C-alpha cells in the first residue's frame, strides 16, 4: 500500500498492485486494473518510487530458501 494525496489535499492509501499505468497530463493520472482513474498531487516519478519501495519492502518479508 502506498499513501498519496488527492488534488483537494485529502490523503489516502492505494493498493500499489492494482496500478496499471501512471502518467502526467500535466496532473498525475493513475489508472487502475479495474479501469478506475485517480488524479493525485504527487509527480509520476514519485508514484513510481513509492511503488518500487513498496515492492522492495514486500520482498524483504519473504524468506529466500
Protein backbone atom coordinates (compact mmCIF):
# COMPACT_ATOMS: atom_id res chain seq x y z
CA UNK A 1 0.00 0.00 0.00
CA UNK A 2 1.22 3.50 -0.81
CA UNK A 3 0.00 6.81 0.59
CA UNK A 4 -0.97 9.51 -1.92
CA UNK A 5 -2.72 12.90 -1.96
CA UNK A 6 -5.84 13.84 -3.91
CA UNK A 7 -5.93 17.28 -5.55
CA UNK A 8 -8.16 18.52 -2.69
CA UNK A 9 -5.40 17.65 -0.18
CA UNK A 10 -7.06 14.52 1.20
CA UNK A 11 -4.56 11.73 1.91
CA UNK A 12 -5.48 8.13 1.02
CA UNK A 13 -3.85 4.72 0.74
CA UNK A 14 -3.79 2.83 -2.56
CA UNK A 15 -3.02 -0.82 -3.21
CA UNK A 16 0.06 -0.43 -5.43
CA UNK A 17 -0.54 -3.84 -7.01
CA UNK A 18 -3.72 -2.52 -8.65
CA UNK A 19 -1.95 0.17 -10.69
CA UNK A 20 -1.99 -0.33 -14.46
CA UNK A 21 -0.46 2.98 -15.61
CA UNK A 22 0.85 6.28 -14.23
CA UNK A 23 1.05 9.33 -16.48
CA UNK A 24 1.38 13.11 -16.21
CA UNK A 25 -1.17 15.05 -18.28
CA UNK A 26 0.05 17.54 -16.62
CA UNK A 27 -1.61 16.27 -13.41
CA UNK A 28 -0.60 12.78 -12.40
CA UNK A 29 -3.24 10.31 -13.53
CA UNK A 30 -3.22 6.76 -12.15
CA UNK A 31 -5.26 4.14 -13.99
CA UNK A 32 -6.11 1.01 -12.03
CA UNK A 33 -6.60 -2.53 -13.32
CA UNK A 34 -10.35 -2.02 -12.80
CA UNK A 35 -10.29 0.94 -15.19
CA UNK A 36 -10.87 3.47 -12.40
CA UNK A 37 -8.77 6.61 -12.65
CA UNK A 38 -7.31 8.74 -9.85
CA UNK A 39 -5.68 12.16 -10.06
CA UNK A 40 -3.05 12.85 -7.41
CA UNK A 41 -0.74 15.70 -6.40
CA UNK A 42 2.42 13.60 -6.50
CA UNK A 43 4.50 13.60 -9.67
CA UNK A 44 4.61 10.37 -11.70
CA UNK A 45 8.24 9.77 -10.70
CA UNK A 46 7.26 9.99 -7.01
CA UNK A 47 4.46 7.46 -7.50
CA UNK A 48 6.84 5.09 -9.30
CA UNK A 49 9.38 5.44 -6.46
CA UNK A 50 6.69 4.65 -3.87
CA UNK A 51 5.63 1.55 -5.82
CA UNK A 52 9.25 0.37 -6.13
CA UNK A 53 9.85 0.91 -2.41
CA UNK A 54 6.63 -0.97 -1.63
CA UNK A 55 7.75 -3.94 -3.77
CA UNK A 56 11.16 -4.00 -2.12
CA UNK A 57 9.57 -3.96 1.33
CA UNK A 58 7.39 -6.94 0.37
CA UNK A 59 10.37 -8.92 -0.89
CA UNK A 60 12.19 -8.37 2.41
CA UNK A 61 9.29 -10.10 4.17
CA UNK A 62 9.56 -13.26 2.06
CA UNK A 63 12.42 -15.58 3.06
CA UNK A 64 14.54 -16.79 0.16
CA UNK A 65 15.23 -20.52 0.61
